[in-house]
C-alpha cells in the first residue's frame, strides 16, 4: 500500500496521521477546508498532497476520487455540535452533524471500495469515539453518528473481507484536539486538558501506522485508545 486519503486532515488526529503516514513512506492526500493549513502541511512534508474541499460537497468528492488510486482510506472528518440537552438542539445542528460525521463518510467509502475490490486489497479506517459505546450526557446526536459509524464499519468488514480489504474502527477517548474549539471557551478547554490526562493525536497516529504495517492476513477490527488516568464523561473524542 502506498497512498492514503485522509479527511479532516488539517488539525488534530487527522493532521497527526497525515504526517505519520508521510514519514512512513505513503503519498498522503490530505483533505480539509482550511487551505492555508493544508499548504503549511505540504511545506513541511513533500509527500503530502493537499485537497481543499468540504467533505459534504458530493460533486467535488466524486471528481477528486475518480482520478486517484487509494490504498488506505481514513474517514476522519467530524464535528461536535454545541453541547446541550437534545430537546434544545437546533435542527440545523442535527442535520450538519449527521451529514459531516456519517453521510459523508459512507458516500466517500462507497466511491472508493469498488477500486479496492477490483485490486483485492485496501484498508478503510473510521475515526469513531468512545461516545459510540457508552452513554454520555449532552452529546446524543454526536454519539448516534459515531455509533452508526461503528455499525457500518462492522458490516462493511463482512462485505469486504472476502476481497482482502481490511476495515478498522478507531475508538479514542479524550484526545487533545480542536474538537471543542467552537463550542467551549478557551478556559474550559484548557481545564479539560490540564494535568496531561489526555491522549495526544500523535499517539493515535502511531497506532494507525503500526496496524497498517501488519501482514495482509491480519486485520485490527477496532482499537480503543484511552487516557491512562480517568477523565470526566465529557472528554470523549
Protein backbone atom coordinates (compact mmCIF):
# COMPACT_ATOMS: atom_id res chain seq x y z
CA UNK A 1 0.00 0.00 0.00
CA UNK A 2 1.41 3.38 -0.98
CA UNK A 3 -1.33 6.02 -0.97
CA UNK A 4 -3.51 7.30 1.86
CA UNK A 5 -6.56 9.56 1.62
CA UNK A 6 -7.38 11.33 4.90
CA UNK A 7 -10.36 13.59 5.53
CA UNK A 8 -10.33 16.19 8.29
CA UNK A 9 -6.57 16.36 7.85
CA UNK A 10 -5.84 19.95 8.82
CA UNK A 11 -5.81 19.54 12.60
CA UNK A 12 -5.82 17.09 15.49
CA UNK A 13 -5.82 13.38 14.76
CA UNK A 14 -6.12 13.84 11.01
CA UNK A 15 -3.07 16.09 10.83
CA UNK A 16 -1.05 13.75 13.02
CA UNK A 17 -1.98 10.77 10.86
CA UNK A 18 -1.08 12.65 7.69
CA UNK A 19 2.40 13.45 9.00
CA UNK A 20 2.96 9.97 10.42
CA UNK A 21 1.93 8.22 7.23
CA UNK A 22 4.04 10.59 5.13
CA UNK A 23 7.01 9.78 7.34
CA UNK A 24 6.24 6.07 6.85
CA UNK A 25 6.56 6.46 3.09
CA UNK A 26 2.95 6.97 2.00
CA UNK A 27 1.80 9.53 -0.52
CA UNK A 28 -0.84 11.29 1.55
CA UNK A 29 -3.83 13.07 0.05
CA UNK A 30 -4.79 15.43 2.86
CA UNK A 31 -8.37 16.69 2.66
CA UNK A 32 -9.76 19.67 4.55
CA UNK A 33 -11.47 23.02 4.26
CA UNK A 34 -8.58 25.12 5.60
CA UNK A 35 -6.49 25.78 2.51
CA UNK A 36 -3.81 27.71 4.42
CA UNK A 37 -3.33 24.85 6.89
CA UNK A 38 -3.06 22.37 4.01
CA UNK A 39 -0.37 24.48 2.33
CA UNK A 40 1.58 24.59 5.59
CA UNK A 41 1.40 20.82 5.83
CA UNK A 42 2.62 20.44 2.26
CA UNK A 43 5.54 22.76 3.01
CA UNK A 44 6.53 20.55 5.96
CA UNK A 45 6.30 17.23 4.10
CA UNK A 46 6.94 16.66 0.40
CA UNK A 47 4.75 13.54 0.49
CA UNK A 48 1.58 15.41 1.42
CA UNK A 49 -0.75 16.47 -1.39
CA UNK A 50 -3.39 18.99 -0.25
CA UNK A 51 -7.01 18.79 -1.38
CA UNK A 52 -9.09 21.75 -0.22
CA UNK A 53 -12.77 20.86 -0.15
CA UNK A 54 -15.74 20.23 2.12
CA UNK A 55 -16.49 16.53 2.59
CA UNK A 56 -20.20 17.28 2.25
CA UNK A 57 -19.65 18.59 -1.30
CA UNK A 58 -20.57 15.39 -3.12
CA UNK A 59 -19.71 16.56 -6.63
CA UNK A 60 -16.25 17.71 -5.53
CA UNK A 61 -15.57 14.46 -3.67
CA UNK A 62 -16.67 12.36 -6.64
CA UNK A 63 -14.48 14.37 -9.00
CA UNK A 64 -11.38 14.04 -6.82
CA UNK A 65 -11.72 10.35 -6.05
CA UNK A 66 -12.31 9.45 -9.70
CA UNK A 67 -8.71 10.41 -10.53
CA UNK A 68 -6.96 8.65 -7.64
CA UNK A 69 -5.90 5.18 -6.65
CA UNK A 70 -6.45 5.00 -2.89
CA UNK A 71 -4.85 2.20 -0.89
CA UNK A 72 -5.76 3.48 2.58
CA UNK A 73 -8.93 5.50 3.19
CA UNK A 74 -9.22 7.23 6.56
CA UNK A 75 -12.65 8.72 7.24
CA UNK A 76 -11.60 11.12 9.95
CA UNK A 77 -13.58 14.33 9.31
CA UNK A 78 -16.06 15.08 12.06
CA UNK A 79 -17.74 17.80 14.07
CA UNK A 80 -19.12 18.26 17.55
CA UNK A 81 -22.37 20.25 17.70
CA UNK A 82 -23.00 22.60 20.63
CA UNK A 83 -23.25 20.66 23.88
CA UNK A 84 -26.66 20.52 25.50
CA UNK A 85 -29.84 18.60 26.09
CA UNK A 86 -31.20 17.02 22.91
CA UNK A 87 -34.60 18.66 23.48
CA UNK A 88 -32.97 22.05 22.98
CA UNK A 89 -30.88 21.15 19.95
CA UNK A 90 -31.28 23.14 16.72
CA UNK A 91 -32.48 21.12 13.73
CA UNK A 92 -29.72 22.70 11.64
CA UNK A 93 -27.09 21.36 14.04
CA UNK A 94 -28.64 17.89 13.87
CA UNK A 95 -28.56 17.96 10.06
CA UNK A 96 -24.96 19.18 9.93
CA UNK A 97 -23.73 16.56 12.40
CA UNK A 98 -25.41 13.73 10.52
CA UNK A 99 -24.07 14.98 7.19
CA UNK A 100 -20.45 15.52 8.26
CA UNK A 101 -19.97 12.64 10.68
CA UNK A 102 -21.96 9.93 8.94
CA UNK A 103 -23.33 10.58 5.45
CA UNK A 104 -20.08 11.99 4.05
CA UNK A 105 -18.08 9.02 5.34
CA UNK A 106 -20.50 6.49 3.88
CA UNK A 107 -20.56 8.22 0.49
CA UNK A 108 -16.77 8.53 0.28
CA UNK A 109 -16.38 4.88 1.22
CA UNK A 110 -18.86 3.89 -1.50
CA UNK A 111 -16.81 5.80 -4.06
CA UNK A 112 -13.55 4.13 -3.05
CA UNK A 113 -14.43 0.48 -2.34
CA UNK A 114 -15.08 -0.62 -5.95
CA UNK A 115 -11.48 0.11 -6.91
CA UNK A 116 -10.23 -1.68 -3.79
CA UNK A 117 -12.41 -4.69 -4.54
CA UNK A 118 -11.07 -4.81 -8.08
CA UNK A 119 -7.48 -4.82 -6.78
CA UNK A 120 -8.35 -7.27 -3.98
CA UNK A 121 -6.63 -5.08 -1.40
CA UNK A 122 -7.11 -1.94 0.66
CA UNK A 123 -7.68 -0.67 4.17
CA UNK A 124 -10.52 1.58 5.36
CA UNK A 125 -10.43 3.27 8.75
CA UNK A 126 -13.03 5.29 10.61
CA UNK A 127 -12.29 7.70 13.44
CA UNK A 128 -15.03 6.84 15.90
CA UNK A 129 -15.42 7.73 19.55
CA UNK A 130 -15.84 6.22 22.98
CA UNK A 131 -19.17 8.10 22.93
CA UNK A 132 -20.40 5.46 20.47
CA UNK A 133 -20.01 2.71 23.05
CA UNK A 134 -21.09 4.32 26.34
CA UNK A 135 -23.75 6.89 27.23
CA UNK A 136 -22.71 10.50 27.86
CA UNK A 137 -24.98 13.49 28.50
CA UNK A 138 -25.33 16.44 26.11
CA UNK A 139 -23.94 14.64 23.02
CA UNK A 140 -26.88 12.49 21.88
CA UNK A 141 -26.65 13.17 18.14
CA UNK A 142 -22.85 13.10 18.09
CA UNK A 143 -22.96 9.75 19.88
CA UNK A 144 -25.57 8.48 17.42
CA UNK A 145 -23.38 9.32 14.42
CA UNK A 146 -20.36 7.59 15.92
CA UNK A 147 -22.42 4.54 16.91
CA UNK A 148 -23.73 4.38 13.35
CA UNK A 149 -20.18 4.50 12.01
CA UNK A 150 -19.28 1.63 14.32
CA UNK A 151 -22.13 -0.49 12.98
CA UNK A 152 -21.31 0.48 9.41
CA UNK A 153 -17.65 -0.48 9.86
CA UNK A 154 -18.56 -3.89 11.26
CA UNK A 155 -20.97 -4.74 8.45
CA UNK A 156 -18.66 -3.24 5.83
CA UNK A 157 -15.94 -5.58 7.05
CA UNK A 158 -18.25 -8.54 6.49
CA UNK A 159 -18.91 -7.33 2.93
CA UNK A 160 -15.29 -6.64 2.01
CA UNK A 161 -13.09 -9.10 3.90
CA UNK A 162 -13.63 -11.83 1.25
CA UNK A 163 -11.84 -9.48 -1.14
CA UNK A 164 -8.84 -8.91 1.11
CA UNK A 165 -9.96 -5.46 2.25
CA UNK A 166 -9.42 -4.58 5.90
CA UNK A 167 -11.67 -2.29 7.96
CA UNK A 168 -10.72 -0.70 11.29
CA UNK A 169 -12.71 1.40 13.74
CA UNK A 170 -10.57 3.80 15.80
CA UNK A 171 -12.13 4.44 19.21
CA UNK A 172 -10.45 7.33 21.04
CA UNK A 173 -11.32 8.52 24.49
CA UNK A 174 -10.26 12.02 25.45
CA UNK A 175 -7.79 13.31 22.86
CA UNK A 176 -6.37 16.82 22.96
CA UNK A 177 -7.70 18.22 19.68
CA UNK A 178 -9.67 21.20 18.36
CA UNK A 179 -12.97 19.30 18.50
CA UNK A 180 -14.41 21.62 21.13
CA UNK A 181 -12.81 24.80 19.74
CA UNK A 182 -16.04 26.42 18.57
CA UNK A 183 -18.30 25.26 21.39
CA UNK A 184 -16.24 25.78 24.56
CA UNK A 185 -14.33 28.86 25.70
CA UNK A 186 -10.52 28.68 25.92
CA UNK A 187 -10.51 28.47 29.72
CA UNK A 188 -12.87 25.50 29.77
CA UNK A 189 -10.88 23.71 27.09
CA UNK A 190 -7.63 24.37 28.95
CA UNK A 191 -9.11 22.91 32.12
CA UNK A 192 -10.32 19.85 30.18
CA UNK A 193 -6.79 19.02 29.07
CA UNK A 194 -4.91 20.16 32.19
CA UNK A 195 -2.62 17.75 34.00
CA UNK A 196 -1.54 15.75 30.93
CA UNK A 197 -4.57 13.46 31.23
CA UNK A 198 -5.46 13.39 27.52
CA UNK A 199 -4.22 11.18 24.73
CA UNK A 200 -2.31 13.15 22.08
CA UNK A 201 -3.15 12.99 18.36
CA UNK A 202 0.33 11.63 17.69
CA UNK A 203 -0.44 8.64 19.93
CA UNK A 204 -3.37 7.70 17.71
CA UNK A 205 -1.27 8.21 14.58
CA UNK A 206 1.42 5.83 15.86
CA UNK A 207 -1.21 3.14 16.38
CA UNK A 208 -2.53 3.63 12.84
CA UNK A 209 0.94 3.28 11.32
CA UNK A 210 1.56 0.15 13.38
CA UNK A 211 -1.64 -1.61 12.32
CA UNK A 212 -1.09 -0.72 8.66
CA UNK A 213 2.29 -2.46 8.88
CA UNK A 214 0.67 -5.77 9.85
CA UNK A 215 0.64 -8.50 7.19
CA UNK A 216 -2.33 -8.53 4.84
CA UNK A 217 -3.92 -11.53 6.57
CA UNK A 218 -4.23 -9.69 9.92
CA UNK A 219 -6.96 -7.11 10.45
CA UNK A 220 -7.26 -5.00 13.59
CA UNK A 221 -11.03 -4.59 13.55
CA UNK A 222 -11.14 -1.98 16.31
CA UNK A 223 -8.71 -0.34 18.69
CA UNK A 224 -9.60 1.72 21.75
CA UNK A 225 -7.08 4.30 22.93
CA UNK A 226 -7.85 5.95 26.26
CA UNK A 227 -6.06 8.17 28.78
CA UNK A 228 -4.32 6.18 31.49
CA UNK A 229 -5.82 8.42 34.16
CA UNK A 230 -9.62 8.58 34.43
CA UNK A 231 -11.42 11.61 33.00
CA UNK A 232 -14.87 13.10 33.21
CA UNK A 233 -17.56 11.83 30.78
CA UNK A 234 -17.46 14.96 28.60
CA UNK A 235 -13.98 14.15 27.45
CA UNK A 236 -14.73 11.71 24.64
CA UNK A 237 -13.36 12.31 21.15
